[in-house]
Amino acid sequence: MSPPLSPTTSNTQKVIESICEVIMLGIRRACCPRMLFDGMTLSHMRPTRQTLDIETSEPSTSLATLLAGQRKFNLREKRILAVILAHSMLHFCESPWTNQEWSKHHVSFFKRSKQGDFDLERPWLSPDFANPCVTEDVDKLNSMHPNPSVLALGILLLEIELGDVLESFREACDLSPEGLENCDTAYFTAYRVWENKLDNAYWGYRAAVEACLKCNFFEREDGGPLSLEDKDFHEAVYEHIVQPLEKELWIACRVKPEEIGLESF
């Protein structure tokens, strides 16, 4: 699944009846077909030029592996990846393609066929989001964070900025009294790391991480759970999380979302 794209304002959108047909048409036309799932229907979007330049003879590498020490990220790579993953959350999480549980293990990269380095501006997201770290007896109603997808993005943003996996910062205070992981372990670790390790991050980036972890910018009147399928919450997430990351990308790197294949909301 390639980097997501925001809905086009074109009136030529057409409901897709066969994904295979769309892909084969793109191959024949030497272009990259794009599709948009809005929670109800899968529609065509304007195609782009075929720009994939990957080394198919070598396997992909997960973000988890790169963060564990195989590759260091520069500022531009960090900011671009953060914006792409934030858009990914809005478009794919909580849809039939994925669920709310996603992490660095579900983000992969291929090497460029010519340069030999990983193409960090084109992450691939796995639709298989089974989370082996969550025990079967976890009751999500007991989780302190109101939305797993937003929390997952906050953790990814922390890991990308610090260049390390969250687990390396874990302490005994993040575990249960029995010393075991539970549904709030990652949240406790992330919140402590955000408070103590992110002082040098740019304001916009730090604000986006804070919004992900606290998620106090939106509250349902009935006090119910928050879902990205809720249009109002979806828009609030864009305003308080995605937009600050887009602004940060422009301020730090002079790169607009459109330049990395994303369209503005």
C-alpha atoms as a PDB file:
ATOM      1  CA  MET A   1       0.000   0.000   0.000  1.00  0.00           C
ATOM      2  CA  SER A   2       1.759   3.136  -1.176  1.00  0.00           C
ATOM      3  CA  PRO A   3       1.682   6.568   0.501  1.00  0.00           C
ATOM      4  CA  PRO A   4      -1.901   7.808   0.835  1.00  0.00           C
ATOM      5  CA  LEU A   5      -3.303  10.750  -1.014  1.00  0.00           C
ATOM      6  CA  SER A   6      -6.017  13.134  -0.004  1.00  0.00           C
ATOM      7  CA  PRO A   7      -9.263  13.371  -1.974  1.00  0.00           C
ATOM      8  CA  THR A   8      -9.041  15.269  -5.223  1.00  0.00           C
ATOM      9  CA  THR A   9     -11.501  18.049  -5.911  1.00  0.00           C
ATOM     10  CA  SER A  10     -12.087  16.660  -9.389  1.00  0.00           C
ATOM     11  CA  ASN A  11     -15.639  15.768 -10.353  1.00  0.00           C
ATOM     12  CA  THR A  12     -14.423  12.823 -12.405  1.00  0.00           C
ATOM     13  CA  GLN A  13     -14.246  10.345  -9.524  1.00  0.00           C
ATOM     14  CA  LYS A  14     -15.738   6.984 -10.376  1.00  0.00           C
ATOM     15  CA  VAL A  15     -16.573   4.067  -8.101  1.00  0.00           C
ATOM     16  CA  ILE A  16     -14.177   1.158  -8.647  1.00  0.00           C
ATOM     17  CA  GLU A  17     -15.773  -2.155  -9.531  1.00  0.00           C
ATOM     18  CA  SER A  18     -12.568  -4.142 -10.077  1.00  0.00           C
ATOM     19  CA  ILE A  19      -9.235  -3.325  -8.417  1.00  0.00           C
ATOM     20  CA  CYS A  20      -7.432  -5.714 -10.796  1.00  0.00           C
ATOM     21  CA  GLU A  21      -8.815  -3.843 -13.794  1.00  0.00           C
ATOM     22  CA  VAL A  22      -7.588  -0.511 -12.401  1.00  0.00           C
ATOM     23  CA  ILE A  23      -4.100  -1.898 -11.786  1.00  0.00           C
ATOM     24  CA  MET A  24      -3.849  -3.517 -15.220  1.00  0.00           C
ATOM     25  CA  LEU A  25      -5.024  -0.301 -16.894  1.00  0.00           C
ATOM     26  CA  GLY A  26      -2.303   1.606 -15.053  1.00  0.00           C
ATOM     27  CA  ILE A  27       0.329  -0.883 -16.240  1.00  0.00           C
ATOM     28  CA  ARG A  28      -0.788  -0.565 -19.855  1.00  0.00           C
ATOM     29  CA  ARG A  29      -0.688   3.225 -19.644  1.00  0.00           C
ATOM     30  CA  ALA A  30       2.643   3.285 -17.768  1.00  0.00           C
ATOM     31  CA  CYS A  31       1.106   5.334 -14.969  1.00  0.00           C
ATOM     32  CA  CYS A  32       0.503   4.847 -11.267  1.00  0.00           C
ATOM     33  CA  PRO A  33      -3.216   4.400 -10.509  1.00  0.00           C
ATOM     34  CA  ARG A  34      -4.567   5.932  -7.312  1.00  0.00           C
ATOM     35  CA  MET A  35      -7.608   4.976  -5.296  1.00  0.00           C
ATOM     36  CA  LEU A  36      -9.481   6.566  -2.408  1.00  0.00           C
ATOM     37  CA  PHE A  37     -11.502   4.714   0.222  1.00  0.00           C
ATOM     38  CA  ASP A  38     -13.839   7.100   2.084  1.00  0.00           C
ATOM     39  CA  GLY A  39     -15.211   4.556   4.541  1.00  0.00           C
ATOM     40  CA  MET A  40     -17.996   3.492   2.219  1.00  0.00           C
ATOM     41  CA  THR A  41     -16.761   3.246  -1.371  1.00  0.00           C
ATOM     42  CA  LEU A  42     -13.492   2.829  -3.261  1.00  0.00           C
ATOM     43  CA  SER A  43     -13.107   5.428  -6.006  1.00  0.00           C
ATOM     44  CA  HIS A  44     -10.676   6.338  -8.785  1.00  0.00           C
ATOM     45  CA  MET A  45      -8.365   9.295  -8.361  1.00  0.00           C
ATOM     46  CA  ARG A  46      -6.175  11.036 -10.892  1.00  0.00           C
ATOM     47  CA  PRO A  47      -3.202   8.784 -11.792  1.00  0.00           C
ATOM     48  CA  THR A  48       0.372   9.953 -11.518  1.00  0.00           C
ATOM     49  CA  ARG A  49       3.435   9.109 -13.543  1.00  0.00           C
ATOM     50  CA  GLN A  50       4.956   5.753 -12.728  1.00  0.00           C
ATOM     51  CA  THR A  51       7.784   6.742 -10.404  1.00  0.00           C
ATOM     52  CA  LEU A  52       8.496   3.521  -8.503  1.00  0.00           C
ATOM     53  CA  ASP A  53      12.197   2.783  -8.701  1.00  0.00           C
ATOM     54  CA  ILE A  54      12.750  -0.076  -6.305  1.00  0.00           C
ATOM     55  CA  GLU A  55      15.146  -2.986  -6.195  1.00  0.00           C
ATOM     56  CA  THR A  56      12.765  -5.944  -6.412  1.00  0.00           C
ATOM     57  CA  SER A  57      15.536  -8.487  -5.884  1.00  0.00           C
ATOM     58  CA  GLU A  58      16.007  -7.370  -2.280  1.00  0.00           C
ATOM     59  CA  PRO A  59      13.428  -7.718   0.513  1.00  0.00           C
ATOM     60  CA  SER A  60      11.813  -4.746   2.164  1.00  0.00           C
ATOM     61  CA  THR A  61      12.991  -3.491   5.557  1.00  0.00           C
ATOM     62  CA  SER A  62      10.664  -2.401   8.342  1.00  0.00           C
ATOM     63  CA  LEU A  63      10.823   0.933  10.112  1.00  0.00           C
ATOM     64  CA  ALA A  64      11.423  -1.057  13.297  1.00  0.00           C
ATOM     65  CA  THR A  65      14.641  -2.466  11.824  1.00  0.00           C
ATOM     66  CA  LEU A  66      15.865   0.931  10.666  1.00  0.00           C
ATOM     67  CA  LEU A  67      15.131   2.497  14.045  1.00  0.00           C
ATOM     68  CA  ALA A  68      17.008  -0.323  15.767  1.00  0.00           C
ATOM     69  CA  GLY A  69      20.219   0.999  14.268  1.00  0.00           C
ATOM     70  CA  GLN A  70      20.439   0.047  10.606  1.00  0.00           C
ATOM     71  CA  ARG A  71      19.779   3.569   9.325  1.00  0.00           C
ATOM     72  CA  LYS A  72      19.924   7.079  10.805  1.00  0.00           C
ATOM     73  CA  PHE A  73      17.395   9.662   9.586  1.00  0.00           C
ATOM     74  CA  ASN A  74      18.240  13.249   8.739  1.00  0.00           C
ATOM     75  CA  LEU A  75      15.855  16.125   9.466  1.00  0.00           C
ATOM     76  CA  ARG A  76      14.258  16.162   6.018  1.00  0.00           C
ATOM     77  CA  GLU A  77      13.625  12.411   6.103  1.00  0.00           C
ATOM     78  CA  LYS A  78      12.084  12.651   9.571  1.00  0.00           C
ATOM     79  CA  ARG A  79       9.712  15.462   8.637  1.00  0.00           C
ATOM     80  CA  ILE A  80       8.609  13.893   5.353  1.00  0.00           C
ATOM     81  CA  LEU A  81       8.001  10.504   6.957  1.00  0.00           C
ATOM     82  CA  ALA A  82       6.014  12.110   9.789  1.00  0.00           C
ATOM     83  CA  VAL A  83       3.648  13.855   7.350  1.00  0.00           C
ATOM     84  CA  ILE A  84       3.156  10.735   5.221  1.00  0.00           C
ATOM     85  CA  LEU A  85       2.357   8.582   8.257  1.00  0.00           C
ATOM     86  CA  ALA A  86      -0.043  11.201   9.611  1.00  0.00           C
ATOM     87  CA  HIS A  87      -1.934  11.178   6.308  1.00  0.00           C
ATOM     88  CA  SER A  88      -1.846   7.382   6.386  1.00  0.00           C
ATOM     89  CA  MET A  89      -3.574   7.355   9.753  1.00  0.00           C
ATOM     90  CA  LEU A  90      -6.387   9.587   8.495  1.00  0.00           C
ATOM     91  CA  HIS A  91      -7.030   7.566   5.364  1.00  0.00           C
ATOM     92  CA  PHE A  92      -6.339   3.966   6.326  1.00  0.00           C
ATOM     93  CA  CYS A  93      -6.660   3.411  10.074  1.00  0.00           C
ATOM     94  CA  GLU A  94     -10.039   2.141  11.267  1.00  0.00           C
ATOM     95  CA  SER A  95     -10.985   1.262   7.684  1.00  0.00           C
ATOM     96  CA  PRO A  96     -11.534  -2.287   6.363  1.00  0.00           C
ATOM     97  CA  TRP A  97      -7.926  -2.185   5.137  1.00  0.00           C
ATOM     98  CA  THR A  98      -6.490  -1.855   8.648  1.00  0.00           C
ATOM     99  CA  ASN A  99      -7.522  -1.665  12.258  1.00  0.00           C
ATOM    100  CA  GLN A 100      -6.483   0.675  15.030  1.00  0.00           C
ATOM    101  CA  GLU A 101      -3.384  -1.294  16.009  1.00  0.00           C
ATOM    102  CA  TRP A 102      -0.380  -0.244  13.922  1.00  0.00           C
ATOM    103  CA  SER A 103       3.265   0.432  14.644  1.00  0.00           C
ATOM    104  CA  LYS A 104       6.781   0.575  13.212  1.00  0.00           C
ATOM    105  CA  HIS A 105       6.479  -3.121  12.359  1.00  0.00           C
ATOM    106  CA  HIS A 106       3.805  -2.309   9.749  1.00  0.00           C
ATOM    107  CA  VAL A 107       5.820   0.349   7.899  1.00  0.00           C
ATOM    108  CA  SER A 108       8.341  -0.945   5.339  1.00  0.00           C
ATOM    109  CA  PHE A 109      10.798   0.470   2.815  1.00  0.00           C
ATOM    110  CA  PHE A 110      12.390  -0.819  -0.392  1.00  0.00           C
ATOM    111  CA  LYS A 111      15.802   0.070  -1.720  1.00  0.00           C
ATOM    112  CA  ARG A 112      16.068   2.275  -4.803  1.00  0.00           C
ATOM    113  CA  SER A 113      17.289   0.284  -7.784  1.00  0.00           C
ATOM    114  CA  LYS A 114      19.959   2.816  -8.774  1.00  0.00           C
ATOM    115  CA  GLN A 115      21.124   4.547  -5.596  1.00  0.00           C
ATOM    116  CA  GLY A 116      21.025   1.430  -3.425  1.00  0.00           C
ATOM    117  CA  ASP A 117      19.705   3.343  -0.415  1.00  0.00           C
ATOM    118  CA  PHE A 118      16.246   2.944   1.104  1.00  0.00           C
ATOM    119  CA  ASP A 119      13.529   5.167  -0.338  1.00  0.00           C
ATOM    120  CA  LEU A 120      12.416   6.786   2.902  1.00  0.00           C
ATOM    121  CA  GLU A 121       9.957   9.078   1.114  1.00  0.00           C
ATOM    122  CA  ARG A 122       7.873   6.133  -0.063  1.00  0.00           C
ATOM    123  CA  PRO A 123       6.887   3.916   2.879  1.00  0.00           C
ATOM    124  CA  TRP A 124       4.682   0.884   2.328  1.00  0.00           C
ATOM    125  CA  LEU A 125       2.002   0.015   4.855  1.00  0.00           C
ATOM    126  CA  SER A 126       1.022  -3.537   5.595  1.00  0.00           C
ATOM    127  CA  PRO A 127      -2.742  -4.208   5.710  1.00  0.00           C
ATOM    128  CA  ASP A 128      -2.102  -7.011   8.213  1.00  0.00           C
ATOM    129  CA  PHE A 129      -2.204  -5.102  11.478  1.00  0.00           C
ATOM    130  CA  ALA A 130      -2.473  -7.957  13.972  1.00  0.00           C
ATOM    131  CA  ASN A 131      -0.727  -6.755  17.111  1.00  0.00           C
ATOM    132  CA  PRO A 132       1.286  -9.505  18.841  1.00  0.00           C
ATOM    133  CA  CYS A 133       2.137  -7.238  21.769  1.00  0.00           C
ATOM    134  CA  VAL A 134      -1.411  -6.923  23.096  1.00  0.00           C
ATOM    135  CA  THR A 135      -2.577  -9.766  25.302  1.00  0.00           C
ATOM    136  CA  GLU A 136      -5.911 -11.406  24.633  1.00  0.00           C
ATOM    137  CA  ASP A 137      -7.480 -10.266  27.895  1.00  0.00           C
ATOM    138  CA  VAL A 138      -6.977  -6.556  27.123  1.00  0.00           C
ATOM    139  CA  ASP A 139     -10.207  -4.634  27.456  1.00  0.00           C
ATOM    140  CA  LYS A 140      -9.858  -1.535  25.310  1.00  0.00           C
ATOM    141  CA  LEU A 141     -12.433   0.212  27.466  1.00  0.00           C
ATOM    142  CA  ASN A 142      -9.799   0.221  30.217  1.00  0.00           C
ATOM    143  CA  SER A 143      -7.220   1.969  28.061  1.00  0.00           C
ATOM    144  CA  MET A 144      -6.383   5.485  29.224  1.00  0.00           C
ATOM    145  CA  HIS A 145      -6.057   6.814  25.662  1.00  0.00           C
ATOM    146  CA  PRO A 146      -9.338   7.411  23.785  1.00  0.00           C
ATOM    147  CA  ASN A 147      -8.139   6.394  20.305  1.00  0.00           C
ATOM    148  CA  PRO A 148      -5.499   3.704  19.541  1.00  0.00           C
ATOM    149  CA  SER A 149      -4.814   5.012  16.021  1.00  0.00           C
ATOM    150  CA  VAL A 150      -3.881   8.489  17.241  1.00  0.00           C
ATOM    151  CA  LEU A 151      -1.774   7.062  20.072  1.00  0.00           C
ATOM    152  CA  ALA A 152       0.031   4.809  17.587  1.00  0.00           C
ATOM    153  CA  LEU A 153       0.897   7.827  15.434  1.00  0.00           C
ATOM    154  CA  GLY A 154       2.200   9.706  18.472  1.00  0.00           C
ATOM    155  CA  ILE A 155       4.485   6.790  19.305  1.00  0.00           C
ATOM    156  CA  LEU A 156       5.752   6.632  15.715  1.00  0.00           C
ATOM    157  CA  LEU A 157       6.462  10.374  15.735  1.00  0.00           C
ATOM    158  CA  LEU A 158       8.457   9.996  18.945  1.00  0.00           C
ATOM    159  CA  GLU A 159      10.451   7.075  17.582  1.00  0.00           C
ATOM    160  CA  ILE A 160      11.217   8.870  14.325  1.00  0.00           C
ATOM    161  CA  GLU A 161      12.338  12.043  16.088  1.00  0.00           C
ATOM    162  CA  LEU A 162      14.532  10.201  18.612  1.00  0.00           C
ATOM    163  CA  GLY A 163      15.794   7.630  16.107  1.00  0.00           C
ATOM    164  CA  ASP A 164      15.115   4.757  18.452  1.00  0.00           C
ATOM    165  CA  VAL A 165      12.368   2.311  19.333  1.00  0.00           C
ATOM    166  CA  LEU A 166      10.067   3.164  22.237  1.00  0.00           C
ATOM    167  CA  GLU A 167      10.871  -0.100  23.991  1.00  0.00           C
ATOM    168  CA  SER A 168      14.433   1.071  24.659  1.00  0.00           C
ATOM    169  CA  PHE A 169      13.038   3.794  26.952  1.00  0.00           C
ATOM    170  CA  ARG A 170      10.761   1.492  28.943  1.00  0.00           C
ATOM    171  CA  GLU A 171      11.062   1.473  32.731  1.00  0.00           C
ATOM    172  CA  ALA A 172       9.523  -0.577  35.514  1.00  0.00           C
ATOM    173  CA  CYS A 173       7.030   2.205  36.259  1.00  0.00           C
ATOM    174  CA  ASP A 174       5.461   1.653  32.839  1.00  0.00           C
ATOM    175  CA  LEU A 175       4.511  -1.930  33.658  1.00  0.00           C
ATOM    176  CA  SER A 176       1.783  -3.460  35.783  1.00  0.00           C
ATOM    177  CA  PRO A 177       2.407  -4.208  39.482  1.00  0.00           C
ATOM    178  CA  GLU A 178       3.284  -7.747  38.373  1.00  0.00           C
ATOM    179  CA  GLY A 179       5.912  -6.372  35.983  1.00  0.00           C
ATOM    180  CA  LEU A 180       3.930  -7.182  32.841  1.00  0.00           C
ATOM    181  CA  GLU A 181       2.940  -5.152  29.793  1.00  0.00           C
ATOM    182  CA  ASN A 182      -0.678  -4.087  29.511  1.00  0.00           C
ATOM    183  CA  CYS A 183      -2.807  -1.892  27.274  1.00  0.00           C
ATOM    184  CA  ASP A 184      -1.363   1.292  28.817  1.00  0.00           C
ATOM    185  CA  THR A 185       2.340   0.371  28.922  1.00  0.00           C
ATOM    186  CA  ALA A 186       3.220   2.011  25.604  1.00  0.00           C
ATOM    187  CA  TYR A 187       1.171   5.080  26.539  1.00  0.00           C
ATOM    188  CA  PHE A 188       2.997   5.498  29.875  1.00  0.00           C
ATOM    189  CA  THR A 189       6.397   5.139  28.203  1.00  0.00           C
ATOM    190  CA  ALA A 190       5.531   7.529  25.376  1.00  0.00           C
ATOM    191  CA  TYR A 191       4.161  10.198  27.700  1.00  0.00           C
ATOM    192  CA  ARG A 192       7.250  10.077  29.922  1.00  0.00           C
ATOM    193  CA  VAL A 193       9.564  10.224  26.892  1.00  0.00           C
ATOM    194  CA  TRP A 194       7.620  13.168  25.467  1.00  0.00           C
ATOM    195  CA  GLU A 195       8.015  15.065  28.754  1.00  0.00           C
ATOM    196  CA  ASN A 196      11.717  14.319  29.237  1.00  0.00           C
ATOM    197  CA  LYS A 197      13.307  13.679  25.841  1.00  0.00           C
ATOM    198  CA  LEU A 198      11.653  16.009  23.347  1.00  0.00           C
ATOM    199  CA  ASP A 199      12.801  19.405  24.608  1.00  0.00           C
ATOM    200  CA  ASN A 200      14.921  20.082  21.528  1.00  0.00           C
ATOM    201  CA  ALA A 201      12.192  19.296  18.990  1.00  0.00           C
ATOM    202  CA  TYR A 202      10.717  22.119  16.944  1.00  0.00           C
ATOM    203  CA  TRP A 203       7.486  23.588  18.345  1.00  0.00           C
ATOM    204  CA  GLY A 204       5.191  22.285  15.601  1.00  0.00           C
ATOM    205  CA  TYR A 205       6.492  18.747  15.882  1.00  0.00           C
ATOM    206  CA  ARG A 206       6.341  18.748  19.656  1.00  0.00           C
ATOM    207  CA  ALA A 207       2.777  20.137  19.539  1.00  0.00           C
ATOM    208  CA  ALA A 208       1.697  17.361  17.171  1.00  0.00           C
ATOM    209  CA  VAL A 209       3.132  14.677  19.447  1.00  0.00           C
ATOM    210  CA  GLU A 210       1.474  16.281  22.451  1.00  0.00           C
ATOM    211  CA  ALA A 211      -1.885  16.311  20.647  1.00  0.00           C
ATOM    212  CA  CYS A 212      -1.465  12.635  19.793  1.00  0.00           C
ATOM    213  CA  LEU A 213      -0.660  11.618  23.355  1.00  0.00           C
ATOM    214  CA  LYS A 214      -3.113  13.832  25.229  1.00  0.00           C
ATOM    215  CA  CYS A 215      -5.862  13.795  22.581  1.00  0.00           C
ATOM    216  CA  ASN A 216      -7.685  16.522  24.529  1.00  0.00           C
ATOM    217  CA  PHE A 217      -8.638  18.655  21.522  1.00  0.00           C
ATOM    218  CA  PHE A 218     -11.945  16.872  20.929  1.00  0.00           C
ATOM    219  CA  GLU A 219     -14.644  15.330  23.102  1.00  0.00           C
ATOM    220  CA  ARG A 220     -17.923  13.760  22.146  1.00  0.00           C
ATOM    221  CA  GLU A 221     -21.003  15.191  23.828  1.00  0.00           C
ATOM    222  CA  ASP A 222     -22.109  11.733  24.911  1.00  0.00           C
ATOM    223  CA  GLY A 223     -18.649  10.906  26.255  1.00  0.00           C
ATOM    224  CA  GLY A 224     -18.354   7.937  23.895  1.00  0.00           C
ATOM    225  CA  PRO A 225     -15.192   6.593  22.228  1.00  0.00           C
ATOM    226  CA  LEU A 226     -13.467   8.620  19.522  1.00  0.00           C
ATOM    227  CA  SER A 227     -13.350   7.283  15.977  1.00  0.00           C
ATOM    228  CA  LEU A 228     -11.732   8.579  12.803  1.00  0.00           C
ATOM    229  CA  GLU A 229     -14.956   7.626  11.034  1.00  0.00           C
ATOM    230  CA  ASP A 230     -16.528  10.574  12.873  1.00  0.00           C
ATOM    231  CA  LYS A 231     -16.165  13.491  10.455  1.00  0.00           C
ATOM    232  CA  ASP A 232     -15.785  16.094  13.221  1.00  0.00           C
ATOM    233  CA  PHE A 233     -13.061  14.115  14.996  1.00  0.00           C
ATOM    234  CA  HIS A 234     -11.375  13.400  11.666  1.00  0.00           C
ATOM    235  CA  GLU A 235     -11.217  17.138  10.918  1.00  0.00           C
ATOM    236  CA  ALA A 236     -10.000  17.917  14.446  1.00  0.00           C
ATOM    237  CA  VAL A 237      -7.173  15.405  14.081  1.00  0.00           C
ATOM    238  CA  TYR A 238      -6.116  17.053  10.840  1.00  0.00           C
ATOM    239  CA  GLU A 239      -6.197  20.529  12.411  1.00  0.00           C
ATOM    240  CA  HIS A 240      -4.306  19.661  15.603  1.00  0.00           C
ATOM    241  CA  ILE A 241      -1.927  16.929  14.398  1.00  0.00           C
ATOM    242  CA  VAL A 242      -1.516  16.692  10.636  1.00  0.00           C
ATOM    243  CA  GLN A 243      -1.517  20.402   9.858  1.00  0.00           C
ATOM    244  CA  PRO A 244       1.210  21.281  12.405  1.00  0.00           C
ATOM    245  CA  LEU A 245       3.363  18.536  10.885  1.00  0.00           C
ATOM    246  CA  GLU A 246       2.769  19.943   7.393  1.00  0.00           C
ATOM    247  CA  LYS A 247       3.731  23.423   8.592  1.00  0.00           C
ATOM    248  CA  GLU A 248       6.803  21.979  10.307  1.00  0.00           C
ATOM    249  CA  LEU A 249       7.811  20.288   7.050  1.00  0.00           C
ATOM    250  CA  TRP A 250       7.590  23.614   5.242  1.00  0.00           C
ATOM    251  CA  ILE A 251       9.396  25.632   7.917  1.00  0.00           C
ATOM    252  CA  ALA A 252      12.223  23.134   8.435  1.00  0.00           C
ATOM    253  CA  CYS A 253      12.675  21.816   4.890  1.00  0.00           C
ATOM    254  CA  ARG A 254      10.699  24.117   2.561  1.00  0.00           C
ATOM    255  CA  VAL A 255       8.729  21.111   1.310  1.00  0.00           C
ATOM    256  CA  LYS A 256       4.978  21.174   0.669  1.00  0.00           C
ATOM    257  CA  PRO A 257       2.770  18.051   0.941  1.00  0.00           C
ATOM    258  CA  GLU A 258       2.100  18.203  -2.806  1.00  0.00           C
ATOM    259  CA  GLU A 259       5.821  17.760  -3.484  1.00  0.00           C
ATOM    260  CA  ILE A 260       5.820  14.339  -1.800  1.00  0.00           C
ATOM    261  CA  GLY A 261       2.667  13.069  -3.480  1.00  0.00           C
ATOM    262  CA  LEU A 262       0.110  14.294  -0.967  1.00  0.00           C
ATOM    263  CA  GLU A 263      -2.742  16.653  -1.711  1.00  0.00           C
ATOM    264  CA  SER A 264      -4.027  19.273   0.718  1.00  0.00           C
ATOM    265  CA  PHE A 265      -7.326  18.656   2.470  1.00  0.00           C
END
